Structures are given as C-alpha cells and as structure tokens.
Amino acid sequence: MQIQDDLQQRWWTLEAKLVERFGKKPDMEAILFLIGMQETGFIKEKITKEQKQDLMHVAVCSLLAASGYYEAEGKDADGWPHFRQLKPMPEMDTIQQENFLKDHILLYFENHSF
C-alpha cells in the first residue's frame, strides 16, 4: 500500500502545480492533451475532436516509450510523429492501467523539469 500512497501523493502534487499554472484542475485527458501538444508543438486556436484524439495518442505513445513499449519512427508530411509498438502491454485492470499511466505522466513531468 505504501507504493500506492506515494503514487497518489505525487499525483496530487502534480495536480496542484497544474492548477497553479492553468487555474483549474485538469483531468487525465487534459493532461494527455497538454503532453501531446508539448510533444508535437501543435498549437492552434481551433482543434478538432480528431486532432485532440491524435494529440492524446501521441502523448500515450511518448509516455510509454520511456518504458520501451513504443519507439518513435519519424514524422509524416504534416509533422505528426508516428510510433511503433515494441512489446505488448501487460494485462491490467482499469485501476492498474490508470496508475501505470499516472506513473508515466509523473516521470514525464520530472524529466521535463516541471
């Protein structure tokens, strides 16, 4: 339970920093969206639902690349990064998946000095 408590405490700390920066508490999708924007440099005033989903997909692939699940293959003609899956994801229930992703998000922000 100690590991779980540490993850939750680190997550709350990150949320507090994001609230301080953006003025409201972001949910997981908003955090993935921000990471996707950071990774692609894609910033527009109007973003379609499909573009938002693409940004979140880039975020997930970028996050999981740190653990060897994905590898960047390059960018397409529009500048969007593409990834190749290197190994299958482990079997996890919903809570384990969320914690797995939270841990990778925390690592991302630590590595980017946030």
N, C-alpha and C. Protein backbone atom coordinates (compact mmCIF):
# COMPACT_ATOMS: atom_id res chain seq x y z
N MET A 1 0.82 -1.19 0.00
CA MET A 1 0.00 0.00 0.00
C MET A 1 0.86 1.26 0.00
N GLN A 2 2.08 1.17 0.52
CA GLN A 2 2.98 2.32 0.58
C GLN A 2 3.27 2.88 -0.81
N ILE A 3 3.52 2.00 -1.78
CA ILE A 3 3.81 2.43 -3.14
C ILE A 3 2.60 3.17 -3.71
N GLN A 4 1.41 2.62 -3.49
CA GLN A 4 0.19 3.26 -3.97
C GLN A 4 0.02 4.63 -3.34
N ASP A 5 0.28 4.76 -2.03
CA ASP A 5 0.14 6.04 -1.34
C ASP A 5 1.13 7.06 -1.90
N ASP A 6 2.36 6.63 -2.19
CA ASP A 6 3.37 7.52 -2.76
C ASP A 6 2.95 8.00 -4.14
N LEU A 7 2.43 7.12 -4.96
CA LEU A 7 1.96 7.50 -6.29
C LEU A 7 0.85 8.54 -6.17
N GLN A 8 -0.10 8.29 -5.27
CA GLN A 8 -1.22 9.21 -5.10
C GLN A 8 -0.73 10.57 -4.61
N GLN A 9 0.21 10.58 -3.69
CA GLN A 9 0.74 11.85 -3.17
C GLN A 9 1.47 12.62 -4.27
N ARG A 10 2.27 11.92 -5.05
CA ARG A 10 2.98 12.58 -6.15
C ARG A 10 2.00 13.10 -7.20
N TRP A 11 0.90 12.35 -7.43
CA TRP A 11 -0.12 12.77 -8.39
C TRP A 11 -0.80 14.05 -7.90
N TRP A 12 -1.15 14.09 -6.62
CA TRP A 12 -1.79 15.28 -6.05
C TRP A 12 -0.87 16.49 -6.15
N THR A 13 0.41 16.27 -5.95
CA THR A 13 1.39 17.36 -6.06
C THR A 13 1.42 17.89 -7.49
N LEU A 14 1.44 16.98 -8.47
CA LEU A 14 1.42 17.40 -9.87
C LEU A 14 0.13 18.16 -10.17
N GLU A 15 -1.00 17.65 -9.73
CA GLU A 15 -2.27 18.34 -9.96
C GLU A 15 -2.24 19.75 -9.38
N ALA A 16 -1.68 19.90 -8.18
CA ALA A 16 -1.60 21.22 -7.55
C ALA A 16 -0.76 22.17 -8.39
N LYS A 17 0.34 21.67 -8.94
CA LYS A 17 1.19 22.50 -9.80
C LYS A 17 0.46 22.91 -11.08
N LEU A 18 -0.32 21.97 -11.63
CA LEU A 18 -1.08 22.27 -12.85
C LEU A 18 -2.21 23.26 -12.58
N VAL A 19 -2.83 23.16 -11.41
CA VAL A 19 -3.86 24.13 -11.03
C VAL A 19 -3.23 25.51 -10.90
N GLU A 20 -2.07 25.56 -10.28
CA GLU A 20 -1.35 26.83 -10.12
C GLU A 20 -1.01 27.43 -11.49
N ARG A 21 -0.63 26.60 -12.41
CA ARG A 21 -0.21 27.05 -13.75
C ARG A 21 -1.39 27.44 -14.64
N PHE A 22 -2.48 26.63 -14.60
CA PHE A 22 -3.58 26.80 -15.54
C PHE A 22 -4.88 27.31 -14.91
N GLY A 23 -4.94 27.35 -13.59
CA GLY A 23 -6.12 27.91 -12.93
C GLY A 23 -7.25 26.94 -12.67
N LYS A 24 -7.11 25.70 -13.12
CA LYS A 24 -8.12 24.69 -12.79
C LYS A 24 -7.49 23.31 -12.83
N LYS A 25 -8.15 22.38 -12.14
CA LYS A 25 -7.61 21.02 -12.04
C LYS A 25 -7.92 20.24 -13.32
N PRO A 26 -6.88 19.80 -14.02
CA PRO A 26 -7.10 19.04 -15.25
C PRO A 26 -7.38 17.57 -14.95
N ASP A 27 -8.19 16.95 -15.80
CA ASP A 27 -8.38 15.51 -15.69
C ASP A 27 -7.30 14.82 -16.51
N MET A 28 -7.32 13.52 -16.51
CA MET A 28 -6.30 12.73 -17.21
C MET A 28 -6.26 13.08 -18.71
N GLU A 29 -7.44 13.23 -19.33
CA GLU A 29 -7.48 13.57 -20.76
C GLU A 29 -6.82 14.91 -21.03
N ALA A 30 -7.08 15.88 -20.17
CA ALA A 30 -6.49 17.21 -20.35
C ALA A 30 -4.97 17.15 -20.22
N ILE A 31 -4.48 16.35 -19.29
CA ILE A 31 -3.04 16.22 -19.10
C ILE A 31 -2.42 15.55 -20.32
N LEU A 32 -3.07 14.51 -20.84
CA LEU A 32 -2.56 13.85 -22.04
C LEU A 32 -2.58 14.81 -23.23
N PHE A 33 -3.62 15.61 -23.32
CA PHE A 33 -3.73 16.61 -24.37
C PHE A 33 -2.56 17.60 -24.30
N LEU A 34 -2.25 18.07 -23.09
CA LEU A 34 -1.13 19.00 -22.90
C LEU A 34 0.21 18.37 -23.30
N ILE A 35 0.39 17.12 -22.91
CA ILE A 35 1.63 16.41 -23.26
C ILE A 35 1.72 16.25 -24.78
N GLY A 36 0.60 15.90 -25.41
CA GLY A 36 0.58 15.76 -26.86
C GLY A 36 0.95 17.07 -27.55
N MET A 37 0.42 18.18 -27.03
CA MET A 37 0.75 19.49 -27.60
C MET A 37 2.23 19.79 -27.41
N GLN A 38 2.75 19.45 -26.25
CA GLN A 38 4.17 19.67 -25.95
C GLN A 38 5.05 18.85 -26.89
N GLU A 39 4.67 17.60 -27.11
CA GLU A 39 5.48 16.70 -27.93
C GLU A 39 5.44 17.04 -29.41
N THR A 40 4.33 17.59 -29.87
CA THR A 40 4.19 17.87 -31.30
C THR A 40 4.44 19.33 -31.67
N GLY A 41 4.28 20.23 -30.68
CA GLY A 41 4.34 21.65 -30.98
C GLY A 41 3.09 22.12 -31.70
N PHE A 42 2.06 21.28 -31.72
CA PHE A 42 0.81 21.56 -32.41
C PHE A 42 -0.03 22.49 -31.55
N ILE A 43 -0.11 23.75 -31.96
CA ILE A 43 -0.90 24.73 -31.23
C ILE A 43 -1.74 25.50 -32.23
N LYS A 44 -3.03 25.38 -32.11
CA LYS A 44 -3.97 26.09 -32.96
C LYS A 44 -5.10 26.61 -32.09
N GLU A 45 -5.76 27.64 -32.58
CA GLU A 45 -6.89 28.18 -31.83
C GLU A 45 -8.06 27.22 -31.84
N LYS A 46 -8.32 26.61 -32.98
CA LYS A 46 -9.40 25.63 -33.11
C LYS A 46 -8.79 24.26 -33.37
N ILE A 47 -9.15 23.31 -32.52
CA ILE A 47 -8.64 21.94 -32.66
C ILE A 47 -9.85 21.01 -32.78
N THR A 48 -9.83 20.17 -33.80
CA THR A 48 -10.94 19.25 -34.00
C THR A 48 -10.88 18.11 -32.98
N LYS A 49 -11.97 17.41 -32.84
CA LYS A 49 -12.02 16.26 -31.94
C LYS A 49 -10.98 15.22 -32.36
N GLU A 50 -10.86 15.01 -33.66
CA GLU A 50 -9.88 14.04 -34.17
C GLU A 50 -8.45 14.47 -33.83
N GLN A 51 -8.16 15.75 -33.98
CA GLN A 51 -6.82 16.25 -33.65
C GLN A 51 -6.54 16.10 -32.15
N LYS A 52 -7.56 16.34 -31.34
CA LYS A 52 -7.40 16.16 -29.89
C LYS A 52 -7.08 14.70 -29.58
N GLN A 53 -7.81 13.78 -30.21
CA GLN A 53 -7.54 12.35 -30.01
C GLN A 53 -6.14 11.98 -30.49
N ASP A 54 -5.72 12.55 -31.62
CA ASP A 54 -4.38 12.30 -32.14
C ASP A 54 -3.31 12.80 -31.17
N LEU A 55 -3.54 13.98 -30.59
CA LEU A 55 -2.59 14.54 -29.63
C LEU A 55 -2.49 13.65 -28.39
N MET A 56 -3.62 13.14 -27.93
CA MET A 56 -3.62 12.26 -26.77
C MET A 56 -2.92 10.93 -27.10
N HIS A 57 -3.10 10.44 -28.32
CA HIS A 57 -2.42 9.21 -28.74
C HIS A 57 -0.90 9.42 -28.78
N VAL A 58 -0.47 10.55 -29.31
CA VAL A 58 0.96 10.89 -29.32
C VAL A 58 1.49 10.93 -27.89
N ALA A 59 0.70 11.52 -26.98
CA ALA A 59 1.11 11.60 -25.59
C ALA A 59 1.31 10.21 -24.99
N VAL A 60 0.34 9.33 -25.18
CA VAL A 60 0.43 7.99 -24.61
C VAL A 60 1.65 7.25 -25.17
N CYS A 61 1.83 7.32 -26.48
CA CYS A 61 2.99 6.65 -27.09
C CYS A 61 4.30 7.24 -26.58
N SER A 62 4.35 8.55 -26.46
CA SER A 62 5.56 9.21 -25.95
C SER A 62 5.84 8.80 -24.51
N LEU A 63 4.79 8.76 -23.70
CA LEU A 63 4.95 8.36 -22.30
C LEU A 63 5.46 6.93 -22.18
N LEU A 64 4.86 6.03 -22.95
CA LEU A 64 5.21 4.62 -22.84
C LEU A 64 6.51 4.26 -23.55
N ALA A 65 7.00 5.17 -24.37
CA ALA A 65 8.32 4.96 -24.99
C ALA A 65 9.40 4.92 -23.92
N ALA A 66 9.19 5.65 -22.83
CA ALA A 66 10.17 5.68 -21.74
C ALA A 66 10.37 4.29 -21.12
N SER A 67 9.35 3.44 -21.22
CA SER A 67 9.45 2.08 -20.68
C SER A 67 9.66 1.02 -21.75
N GLY A 68 9.93 1.47 -22.97
CA GLY A 68 10.25 0.53 -24.04
C GLY A 68 9.05 -0.10 -24.72
N TYR A 69 7.86 0.44 -24.51
CA TYR A 69 6.68 -0.12 -25.16
C TYR A 69 6.51 0.41 -26.59
N TYR A 70 6.96 1.63 -26.82
CA TYR A 70 6.87 2.25 -28.14
C TYR A 70 8.20 2.89 -28.50
N GLU A 71 8.35 3.11 -29.80
CA GLU A 71 9.54 3.78 -30.32
C GLU A 71 9.08 4.74 -31.42
N ALA A 72 9.63 5.94 -31.38
CA ALA A 72 9.30 6.91 -32.42
C ALA A 72 9.89 6.44 -33.75
N GLU A 73 9.07 6.49 -34.80
CA GLU A 73 9.52 6.06 -36.14
C GLU A 73 9.86 7.25 -37.02
N GLY A 74 9.34 8.40 -36.68
CA GLY A 74 9.56 9.58 -37.51
C GLY A 74 8.28 10.38 -37.61
N LYS A 75 8.28 11.34 -38.51
CA LYS A 75 7.12 12.21 -38.68
C LYS A 75 6.59 12.09 -40.10
N ASP A 76 5.28 12.30 -40.23
CA ASP A 76 4.68 12.26 -41.55
C ASP A 76 4.80 13.63 -42.22
N ALA A 77 4.24 13.78 -43.40
CA ALA A 77 4.36 15.03 -44.17
C ALA A 77 3.74 16.22 -43.45
N ASP A 78 2.78 15.97 -42.55
CA ASP A 78 2.15 17.06 -41.80
C ASP A 78 2.86 17.36 -40.48
N GLY A 79 3.94 16.62 -40.22
CA GLY A 79 4.71 16.85 -39.00
C GLY A 79 4.25 16.06 -37.79
N TRP A 80 3.30 15.14 -37.97
CA TRP A 80 2.82 14.33 -36.85
C TRP A 80 3.76 13.16 -36.61
N PRO A 81 4.16 12.93 -35.36
CA PRO A 81 5.03 11.79 -35.06
C PRO A 81 4.28 10.47 -35.17
N HIS A 82 5.00 9.45 -35.57
CA HIS A 82 4.44 8.10 -35.64
C HIS A 82 5.31 7.18 -34.80
N PHE A 83 4.67 6.19 -34.19
CA PHE A 83 5.33 5.29 -33.27
C PHE A 83 5.10 3.85 -33.69
N ARG A 84 6.03 3.01 -33.25
CA ARG A 84 5.92 1.57 -33.49
C ARG A 84 5.90 0.89 -32.13
N GLN A 85 4.94 -0.01 -31.94
CA GLN A 85 4.87 -0.73 -30.67
C GLN A 85 5.96 -1.80 -30.66
N LEU A 86 6.74 -1.82 -29.58
CA LEU A 86 7.85 -2.75 -29.46
C LEU A 86 7.50 -4.01 -28.68
N LYS A 87 6.60 -3.88 -27.72
CA LYS A 87 6.20 -5.03 -26.93
C LYS A 87 4.76 -4.82 -26.46
N PRO A 88 4.06 -5.92 -26.20
CA PRO A 88 2.66 -5.80 -25.79
C PRO A 88 2.55 -5.20 -24.38
N MET A 89 1.43 -4.56 -24.16
CA MET A 89 1.15 -4.01 -22.84
C MET A 89 0.83 -5.15 -21.89
N PRO A 90 1.23 -5.01 -20.62
CA PRO A 90 0.89 -6.07 -19.65
C PRO A 90 -0.61 -6.08 -19.37
N GLU A 91 -1.10 -7.24 -18.95
CA GLU A 91 -2.51 -7.37 -18.57
C GLU A 91 -2.72 -6.58 -17.27
N MET A 92 -3.71 -5.66 -17.30
CA MET A 92 -4.00 -4.86 -16.12
C MET A 92 -5.49 -4.58 -16.05
N ASP A 93 -5.98 -4.43 -14.82
CA ASP A 93 -7.37 -3.99 -14.67
C ASP A 93 -7.39 -2.46 -14.82
N THR A 94 -8.57 -1.87 -14.75
CA THR A 94 -8.72 -0.44 -15.01
C THR A 94 -7.90 0.42 -14.04
N ILE A 95 -7.93 0.09 -12.78
CA ILE A 95 -7.19 0.87 -11.78
C ILE A 95 -5.69 0.73 -12.01
N GLN A 96 -5.24 -0.46 -12.31
CA GLN A 96 -3.81 -0.66 -12.60
C GLN A 96 -3.39 0.12 -13.84
N GLN A 97 -4.25 0.14 -14.87
CA GLN A 97 -3.95 0.91 -16.08
C GLN A 97 -3.82 2.39 -15.76
N GLU A 98 -4.75 2.90 -14.97
CA GLU A 98 -4.71 4.32 -14.60
C GLU A 98 -3.45 4.64 -13.81
N ASN A 99 -3.10 3.80 -12.87
CA ASN A 99 -1.88 4.03 -12.08
C ASN A 99 -0.62 3.91 -12.93
N PHE A 100 -0.62 2.97 -13.86
CA PHE A 100 0.50 2.80 -14.79
C PHE A 100 0.71 4.07 -15.60
N LEU A 101 -0.39 4.62 -16.11
CA LEU A 101 -0.33 5.85 -16.89
C LEU A 101 0.06 7.04 -16.02
N LYS A 102 -0.49 7.12 -14.82
CA LYS A 102 -0.13 8.21 -13.89
C LYS A 102 1.36 8.18 -13.60
N ASP A 103 1.90 7.00 -13.37
CA ASP A 103 3.33 6.87 -13.07
C ASP A 103 4.17 7.38 -14.25
N HIS A 104 3.76 7.07 -15.45
CA HIS A 104 4.48 7.54 -16.64
C HIS A 104 4.33 9.05 -16.83
N ILE A 105 3.17 9.58 -16.52
CA ILE A 105 2.96 11.03 -16.60
C ILE A 105 3.86 11.74 -15.60
N LEU A 106 3.92 11.22 -14.38
CA LEU A 106 4.79 11.81 -13.36
C LEU A 106 6.25 11.78 -13.80
N LEU A 107 6.68 10.68 -14.38
CA LEU A 107 8.05 10.57 -14.88
C LEU A 107 8.29 11.59 -15.98
N TYR A 108 7.32 11.77 -16.86
CA TYR A 108 7.43 12.74 -17.94
C TYR A 108 7.66 14.15 -17.39
N PHE A 109 6.84 14.53 -16.42
CA PHE A 109 6.97 15.88 -15.86
C PHE A 109 8.27 16.04 -15.08
N GLU A 110 8.72 14.98 -14.42
CA GLU A 110 10.02 15.04 -13.73
C GLU A 110 11.15 15.22 -14.73
N ASN A 111 11.09 14.50 -15.83
CA ASN A 111 12.13 14.58 -16.86
C ASN A 111 12.12 15.91 -17.62
N HIS A 112 10.97 16.61 -17.56
CA HIS A 112 10.85 17.89 -18.24
C HIS A 112 10.87 19.05 -17.25
N SER A 113 11.39 18.78 -16.07
CA SER A 113 11.61 19.80 -15.03
C SER A 113 10.39 20.67 -14.75
N PHE A 114 9.25 20.02 -14.58
CA PHE A 114 8.04 20.78 -14.26
C PHE A 114 7.82 20.75 -12.77
